[in-house]
Structures are given as C-alpha cells and as structure tokens.
Amino acid sequence: MIIHCTRKLYAKLPERDLAISGDAHHLGDWHANLYMIDRRQCVLFCHDKTRFALFSAGLKKPDFDNIDYFFNDLFINTLLKSAYPFETVDYAANLMQTADIVFDAKCNRSVLGTMRSVYHQDLYGALMRVNNVMDLLPYSTSAKLNDRPTRVKGMRASECLWPKDEMRKLLESLRNG
C-alpha cells in the first residue's frame, strides 16, 4: 500500500521507511498531509478512491518512526467508531496486517483538494468546540469527518459520495468478492 505524502510530511519520515514504489494493495492508495494546529503536529490521511479521512493529532518526532502503526490503529478504530459490521472490521484488520506500507511524495491534486476541504471546513468546525487540538478524540473525530458528502473530480454537480458509505462498500466488496 502506498501513502502519498506532501513534501512537509515526507521530510519528517525516517529514511528506512521511505520507498519509491510499492505493490498494489486491495485497499488502494492513500494521501497524507502534515498540519500544525495549536503548535502540535497533526496528520490527515485520505483514501484516494472513497475520500475516507483519518485524523491524528499531537505526533512527536519518535511517532513518525511508527507512522504505519498509527495509521493502522486509526483506520481500524475509526471503522469500529463508525459502526461498521464486525465482520467488515475484522476483514479490514486482517487486510491491514498483510499490507506493507510505503511512502512517496507523488500527490494527486484532486485528493489534496478534498483534504483541504476537510481541514478547512470539517476539522475547523470540530476545533471550535474544544480548547486545544489534543482535546479532540482521534477515532470519534475521524468518524465524524467521514459522515459528510464530498465530490470527486469528474462528478456532475448533482452527484456526491459519502466517504463512510463508500469505504464500507469497498471493504464489503473485497470481502465478498
């Protein structure tokens, strides 16, 4: 699985975790960006196809050595918090155990645009209800970020997709197919 990072995040990752290319994974590719909120390093992940978003706050320098652990933990627990069926979450957990995560700095502007919208609209809304970014619960926040309509480049103006539903469809189609 490849996580396409912005240059800011890519510079934070240790040399041993970096790779130019990776094997295609059933779940597909992701994008990630580093944000500074309340003087804390925060990472926003976004699935390329479904626009499923994950948010992690307060990462420190040693945490970037294990960013794949944070990603897996955040993904599985967000699925649980989003009330996905247990069979689907269990399948996703098994799927993530087989995934070798590699990072590169090649980004898709369409996905980055979605991430910018999530950050400026949805995440700022969540930050207005707390005093500090560290007060945001990562799994609940990520689940709320996915319960929103969004559009993908090439969609008509009347169309939209719901990341929570699209990720569920993707996981269930992989599990059943």
Protein backbone atom coordinates (compact mmCIF):
# COMPACT_ATOMS: atom_id res chain seq x y z
CA MET A 1 0.00 0.00 0.00
CA ILE A 2 1.31 3.43 -0.88
CA ILE A 3 0.70 6.56 1.16
CA HIS A 4 1.43 9.58 -0.98
CA CYS A 5 2.78 12.29 1.33
CA THR A 6 3.15 16.00 0.90
CA ARG A 7 6.72 17.25 1.00
CA LYS A 8 6.26 18.54 4.57
CA LEU A 9 5.30 15.11 5.85
CA TYR A 10 7.72 13.22 3.63
CA ALA A 11 10.63 15.18 5.14
CA LYS A 12 9.60 14.02 8.64
CA LEU A 13 9.63 10.31 7.83
CA PRO A 14 12.75 8.27 8.62
CA GLU A 15 14.93 7.07 5.76
CA ARG A 16 14.28 3.38 6.37
CA ASP A 17 10.52 3.75 5.80
CA LEU A 18 10.76 5.58 2.51
CA ALA A 19 10.26 3.85 -0.80
CA ILE A 20 9.77 4.94 -4.37
CA SER A 21 7.12 2.38 -5.26
CA GLY A 22 5.08 -0.32 -3.62
CA ASP A 23 2.91 -3.23 -4.59
CA ALA A 24 -0.70 -2.54 -5.45
CA HIS A 25 -2.86 -3.30 -2.44
CA HIS A 26 -6.52 -4.31 -2.48
CA LEU A 27 -7.45 -1.32 -0.36
CA GLY A 28 -5.80 1.16 -2.73
CA ASP A 29 -3.66 4.22 -2.18
CA TRP A 30 -3.91 6.97 0.41
CA HIS A 31 -2.66 10.53 0.71
CA ALA A 32 -1.34 12.23 3.85
CA ASN A 33 -0.53 15.79 4.86
CA LEU A 34 1.11 17.34 7.91
CA TYR A 35 -0.60 20.28 9.63
CA MET A 36 0.48 22.40 12.57
CA ILE A 37 -2.51 23.08 14.82
CA ASP A 38 -2.04 24.66 18.26
CA ARG A 39 1.72 24.11 17.84
CA ARG A 40 1.08 20.35 17.52
CA GLN A 41 1.96 18.17 14.56
CA CYS A 42 -1.19 16.62 13.11
CA VAL A 43 -1.57 14.25 10.18
CA LEU A 44 -4.61 13.94 7.95
CA PHE A 45 -4.90 10.80 5.81
CA CYS A 46 -7.34 10.46 2.92
CA HIS A 47 -8.19 7.39 0.82
CA ASP A 48 -7.85 8.17 -2.86
CA LYS A 49 -10.99 6.45 -4.13
CA THR A 50 -13.50 6.80 -1.28
CA ARG A 51 -12.17 10.04 0.27
CA PHE A 52 -12.31 8.34 3.69
CA ALA A 53 -10.37 10.63 6.07
CA LEU A 54 -8.37 9.87 9.22
CA PHE A 55 -7.01 12.50 11.63
CA SER A 56 -4.25 12.08 14.19
CA ALA A 57 -3.10 14.92 16.46
CA GLY A 58 -0.06 15.53 18.60
CA LEU A 59 2.51 13.39 16.84
CA LYS A 60 6.07 13.79 18.08
CA LYS A 61 9.33 13.05 16.34
CA PRO A 62 9.55 9.39 17.52
CA ASP A 63 5.96 8.81 16.36
CA PHE A 64 6.96 9.35 12.74
CA ASP A 65 9.18 6.25 13.00
CA ASN A 66 5.98 4.22 13.57
CA ILE A 67 3.55 6.18 11.43
CA ASP A 68 2.31 2.95 9.84
CA TYR A 69 1.25 1.71 13.31
CA PHE A 70 -0.66 4.96 13.96
CA PHE A 71 -2.29 4.69 10.55
CA ASN A 72 -3.43 1.07 11.06
CA ASP A 73 -4.70 1.76 14.58
CA LEU A 74 -6.55 4.87 13.49
CA PHE A 75 -8.10 3.15 10.46
CA ILE A 76 -9.41 0.09 12.31
CA ASN A 77 -10.69 2.03 15.33
CA THR A 78 -12.39 4.59 13.09
CA LEU A 79 -14.20 1.74 11.35
CA LEU A 80 -15.34 0.50 14.75
CA LYS A 81 -16.43 4.01 15.81
CA SER A 82 -18.34 4.35 12.53
CA ALA A 83 -20.44 1.29 13.49
CA TYR A 84 -19.26 -0.93 10.65
CA PRO A 85 -20.29 -4.60 10.95
CA PHE A 86 -17.79 -6.64 12.95
CA GLU A 87 -17.10 -8.97 10.01
CA THR A 88 -16.11 -6.00 7.86
CA VAL A 89 -13.83 -4.54 10.55
CA ASP A 90 -12.24 -7.94 11.15
CA TYR A 91 -11.64 -8.35 7.42
CA ALA A 92 -10.10 -4.86 7.25
CA ALA A 93 -7.81 -5.64 10.21
CA ASN A 94 -6.60 -8.84 8.53
CA LEU A 95 -6.14 -6.97 5.28
CA MET A 96 -4.06 -4.29 7.00
CA GLN A 97 -1.80 -6.91 8.59
CA THR A 98 -0.79 -8.09 5.12
CA ALA A 99 -0.13 -4.56 3.88
CA ASP A 100 3.40 -3.30 3.54
CA ILE A 101 3.04 0.45 3.77
CA VAL A 102 5.47 2.53 1.74
CA PHE A 103 5.62 6.28 1.35
CA ASP A 104 6.34 8.55 -1.58
CA ALA A 105 5.98 12.23 -2.40
CA LYS A 106 3.78 11.97 -5.51
CA CYS A 107 0.44 13.62 -4.86
CA ASN A 108 -2.86 13.88 -6.70
CA ARG A 109 -4.27 17.40 -6.69
CA SER A 110 -7.86 16.16 -6.57
CA VAL A 111 -7.27 14.23 -3.34
CA LEU A 112 -5.30 17.13 -1.86
CA GLY A 113 -8.27 19.40 -2.68
CA THR A 114 -10.57 17.08 -0.75
CA MET A 115 -8.14 17.08 2.17
CA ARG A 116 -8.02 20.88 2.10
CA SER A 117 -11.83 20.99 2.27
CA VAL A 118 -11.90 18.53 5.16
CA TYR A 119 -9.29 20.55 7.00
CA HIS A 120 -10.83 23.99 6.46
CA GLN A 121 -14.48 23.06 6.86
CA ASP A 122 -14.97 19.96 8.95
CA LEU A 123 -11.87 19.97 11.12
CA TYR A 124 -12.12 23.68 11.91
CA GLY A 125 -15.72 23.06 12.97
CA ALA A 126 -14.56 20.38 15.39
CA LEU A 127 -11.78 22.64 16.70
CA MET A 128 -14.29 25.36 17.58
CA ARG A 129 -15.83 23.06 20.20
CA VAL A 130 -12.56 22.36 22.07
CA ASN A 131 -9.81 24.47 23.64
CA ASN A 132 -6.91 22.54 22.15
CA VAL A 133 -6.44 20.10 19.28
CA MET A 134 -5.31 17.48 21.81
CA ASP A 135 -8.85 17.52 23.24
CA LEU A 136 -10.19 16.01 20.01
CA LEU A 137 -10.72 12.28 20.30
CA PRO A 138 -8.98 10.79 17.24
CA TYR A 139 -11.40 7.94 16.48
CA SER A 140 -14.58 9.98 17.01
CA THR A 141 -13.18 12.93 15.07
CA SER A 142 -12.19 10.68 12.17
CA ALA A 143 -15.62 9.05 12.17
CA LYS A 144 -17.31 12.47 12.05
CA LEU A 145 -15.04 13.63 9.22
CA ASN A 146 -16.39 10.77 7.09
CA ASP A 147 -20.05 11.44 7.67
CA ARG A 148 -20.24 14.21 5.07
CA PRO A 149 -20.90 14.47 1.36
CA THR A 150 -17.97 15.15 -0.95
CA ARG A 151 -17.26 15.25 -4.63
CA VAL A 152 -14.52 13.76 -6.76
CA LYS A 153 -13.08 15.28 -9.89
CA GLY A 154 -15.22 14.30 -12.86
CA MET A 155 -18.51 14.08 -10.94
CA ARG A 156 -21.51 16.08 -12.05
CA ALA A 157 -22.65 18.94 -9.84
CA SER A 158 -25.68 16.96 -8.69
CA GLU A 159 -23.60 13.94 -7.61
CA CYS A 160 -21.73 13.35 -4.38
CA LEU A 161 -20.37 10.47 -2.37
CA TRP A 162 -20.35 9.78 1.35
CA PRO A 163 -16.89 8.53 2.42
CA LYS A 164 -18.28 6.41 5.26
CA ASP A 165 -20.60 4.55 2.90
CA GLU A 166 -18.07 4.28 0.08
CA MET A 167 -15.43 2.71 2.36
CA ARG A 168 -18.00 0.24 3.67
CA LYS A 169 -18.94 -0.71 0.09
CA LEU A 170 -15.28 -1.12 -0.84
CA LEU A 171 -14.48 -3.32 2.15
CA GLU A 172 -17.59 -5.44 1.72
CA SER A 173 -16.95 -5.92 -1.99
CA LEU A 174 -13.38 -7.02 -1.23
CA ARG A 175 -14.62 -9.38 1.49
CA ASN A 176 -17.36 -10.90 -0.65
CA GLY A 177 -15.54 -10.90 -3.96
